[in-house]
Protein backbone atom coordinates (compact mmCIF):
# COMPACT_ATOMS: atom_id res chain seq x y z
CA MET A 1 96.02 85.38 89.90
CA LYS A 2 96.90 89.04 89.66
CA PHE A 3 96.50 91.57 92.43
CA VAL A 4 97.00 95.32 92.49
CA VAL A 5 98.50 96.97 95.56
CA LYS A 6 98.09 100.67 96.09
CA GLN A 7 100.31 102.00 98.86
CA LYS A 8 98.56 104.12 101.41
CA VAL A 9 99.74 107.02 103.48
CA PHE A 10 100.23 106.44 107.20
CA CYS A 11 96.98 105.80 109.01
CA LEU A 12 96.22 103.72 112.07
CA GLY A 13 93.75 100.85 112.02
CA ASP A 14 93.15 100.94 108.26
CA ASP A 15 90.70 98.46 106.70
CA PHE A 16 90.37 97.61 103.01
CA ALA A 17 88.79 95.09 100.64
CA ILE A 18 90.40 92.64 98.23
CA LYS A 19 88.28 92.49 95.11
CA ASP A 20 87.92 89.81 92.47
CA GLU A 21 88.25 90.43 88.75
CA ASP A 22 84.58 91.47 88.57
CA GLY A 23 85.12 94.14 91.22
CA ARG A 24 83.31 92.20 93.96
CA GLU A 25 84.72 92.35 97.47
CA ARG A 26 85.91 88.83 98.29
CA TYR A 27 88.33 89.39 101.17
CA TYR A 28 88.85 92.09 103.76
CA VAL A 29 91.95 93.17 105.62
CA ASP A 30 91.19 94.49 109.08
CA GLY A 31 93.88 96.71 110.58
CA ARG A 32 91.94 96.94 113.83
CA ALA A 33 94.74 95.85 116.06
CA PHE A 34 97.54 98.23 115.17
CA THR A 35 99.06 99.08 118.55
CA LEU A 36 102.09 100.85 119.93
CA LEU A 37 103.62 97.51 120.86
CA ARG A 38 102.89 95.39 117.78
CA HIS A 39 101.46 95.44 114.30
CA LYS A 40 98.44 93.13 113.88
CA LEU A 41 96.25 92.53 110.82
CA SER A 42 93.45 90.10 110.00
CA PHE A 43 92.54 88.67 106.58
CA LEU A 44 88.79 87.98 106.47
CA ASP A 45 86.44 86.29 104.00
CA GLU A 46 83.14 87.68 102.69
CA GLN A 47 81.36 86.65 105.90
CA LYS A 48 84.05 88.40 107.97
CA ARG A 49 85.51 85.09 109.17
CA GLU A 50 89.22 85.25 109.84
CA LEU A 51 91.33 83.40 107.25
CA ALA A 52 94.71 84.62 108.48
CA PHE A 53 96.09 86.79 111.26
CA ILE A 54 99.44 88.60 111.15
CA ARG A 55 101.27 89.44 114.36
CA GLU A 56 104.68 91.00 114.83
CA ARG A 57 107.15 88.89 116.81
CA LEU A 58 108.63 90.90 119.65
CA VAL A 59 111.63 88.69 120.33
CA ALA A 60 113.58 88.25 117.10
CA LEU A 61 117.07 89.07 115.85
CA THR A 62 115.68 90.53 112.64
CA PRO A 63 112.22 91.98 111.94
CA SER A 64 109.72 89.11 111.72
CA TYR A 65 106.01 88.42 111.77
CA GLU A 66 103.89 85.32 112.30
CA ILE A 67 101.01 84.46 109.97
CA HIS A 68 98.39 82.41 111.81
CA ARG A 69 95.70 80.28 110.16
CA ASP A 70 93.17 78.12 111.99
CA GLY A 71 94.87 78.87 115.32
CA GLU A 72 98.25 77.60 114.12
CA VAL A 73 101.35 79.41 112.91
CA ALA A 74 101.20 78.95 109.14
CA ALA A 75 104.40 80.87 108.44
CA VAL A 76 106.99 83.16 109.93
CA VAL A 77 108.12 85.96 107.63
CA LYS A 78 111.54 87.25 108.60
CA LYS A 79 114.10 89.55 107.14
CA ASP A 80 117.32 87.74 106.37
CA PHE A 81 120.49 88.58 108.22
CA ILE A 82 122.79 90.90 106.31
CA ASN A 83 124.32 88.83 103.58
CA LEU A 84 126.81 90.05 100.96
CA LEU A 85 125.34 87.71 98.35
CA ARG A 86 121.65 88.70 98.60
CA VAL A 87 119.00 90.75 100.38
CA GLY A 88 115.72 89.12 101.11
CA PHE A 89 113.10 87.56 103.32
CA THR A 90 112.31 84.00 104.27
CA VAL A 91 108.73 82.78 104.59
CA ASP A 92 109.26 79.81 106.89
CA VAL A 93 106.31 77.43 106.56
CA PRO A 94 105.95 74.10 108.38
CA GLY A 95 107.75 71.40 106.45
CA PRO A 96 110.18 71.75 103.58
CA ASP A 97 108.29 74.26 101.40
CA ASP A 98 109.76 77.57 102.59
CA LEU A 99 109.54 80.60 100.34
CA GLU A 100 112.29 83.11 99.67
CA ALA A 101 111.58 86.69 98.58
CA THR A 102 114.53 88.34 96.85
CA GLY A 103 115.14 91.27 94.55
CA SER A 104 114.78 95.00 94.97
CA LEU A 105 112.45 94.88 97.96
CA LEU A 106 112.47 98.63 98.58
CA ASP A 107 111.42 99.25 94.96
CA HIS A 108 108.70 96.56 94.92
CA GLU A 109 110.54 94.52 92.30
CA TYR A 110 111.03 91.04 93.71
CA THR A 111 110.02 87.40 93.40
CA PHE A 112 108.87 84.69 95.76
CA ARG A 113 110.58 81.38 95.08
CA ARG A 114 110.08 77.89 96.41
CA GLY A 115 113.37 76.25 95.60
CA ASP A 116 114.15 77.09 91.97
CA ARG A 117 110.51 77.81 91.04
CA VAL A 118 109.10 81.36 90.92
CA VAL A 119 105.68 81.22 92.62
CA ALA A 120 104.89 84.95 92.74
CA GLU A 121 106.22 88.19 91.35
CA VAL A 122 105.87 91.66 92.83
CA SER A 123 106.46 94.54 90.43
CA LYS A 124 105.84 98.22 89.80
CA ARG A 125 106.70 97.91 86.12
CA TRP A 126 103.08 97.11 85.19
CA PHE A 127 101.93 100.53 86.41
CA SER A 128 102.67 104.15 85.62
CA LEU A 129 101.64 105.36 89.09
CA THR A 130 104.58 105.37 91.47
CA ASP A 131 102.53 104.28 94.49
CA THR A 132 101.02 101.21 92.79
CA TYR A 133 102.51 97.77 92.23
CA GLY A 134 101.24 94.36 91.22
CA ILE A 135 101.48 90.87 92.60
CA GLU A 136 101.10 87.90 90.30
CA VAL A 137 100.63 84.60 92.15
CA ALA A 138 100.87 81.20 90.48
CA ASP A 139 97.46 79.50 90.30
CA ASP A 140 98.55 76.53 92.42
CA GLU A 141 99.85 78.73 95.26
CA ASP A 142 98.21 79.99 98.45
CA ALA A 143 97.34 83.56 97.46
CA VAL A 144 96.36 84.60 101.01
CA LEU A 145 99.74 83.44 102.36
CA ILE A 146 101.63 85.29 99.63
CA LEU A 147 99.52 88.45 100.03
CA ALA A 148 100.04 88.36 103.78
CA SER A 149 103.78 87.88 103.27
CA THR A 150 103.86 90.80 100.83
CA VAL A 151 102.10 93.02 103.39
CA VAL A 152 104.71 92.02 105.99
CA ILE A 153 107.60 92.78 103.64
CA ASP A 154 106.04 96.15 102.83
CA MET A 155 105.61 96.97 106.53
CA ILE A 156 109.25 96.13 107.25
CA CYS A 157 110.75 97.81 104.17
CA HIS A 158 108.48 100.88 104.30
CA PRO A 159 107.80 101.54 107.98
CA ASP A 160 106.56 105.07 107.21
CA ALA A 161 103.56 103.63 105.29
CA GLN A 162 102.02 101.61 108.14
CA PRO A 163 100.07 99.58 108.80
CA ALA A 164 99.42 98.07 105.35
CA PRO A 165 98.90 98.81 101.68
CA LYS A 166 95.54 98.53 99.93
CA VAL A 167 95.20 95.31 97.91
CA VAL A 168 92.73 94.87 95.04
CA GLU A 169 92.50 91.69 92.96
CA GLU A 170 92.51 92.29 89.21
């Protein structure tokens, strides 16, 4: 699955649609709960039912966010401690299937890996516009989880472009 992300200028409480390849709105991201204390976003389906909820963790050594699904924490996205060997994020999911996002995170050129397998790629190289980048997610992966994780990484790496980028499925 391919998605197109168009960065947005700073605006509070922004909402946007995620479209399928036919241009139909399939998912919505509701930025309703952007507050002075925390960043909060909801991923909704066509009937406006919540599929995932992102909430900033207040007590953490490095910037981190929780992704909730069905009332449970589905993942914790956290910036890695400073490491001389790599810069990245961990998407800590229950069980052994954690994801790692590494690469040039500030430039939107990075991959999500589960172990040695690349499960998603984020890149600007597909686009000539400087404020647009793409996300390609493997078909057998949870696209909502990866999109939510990408939004978190963007919020942490580009705090001046809050609360979230616009995502459109291609």
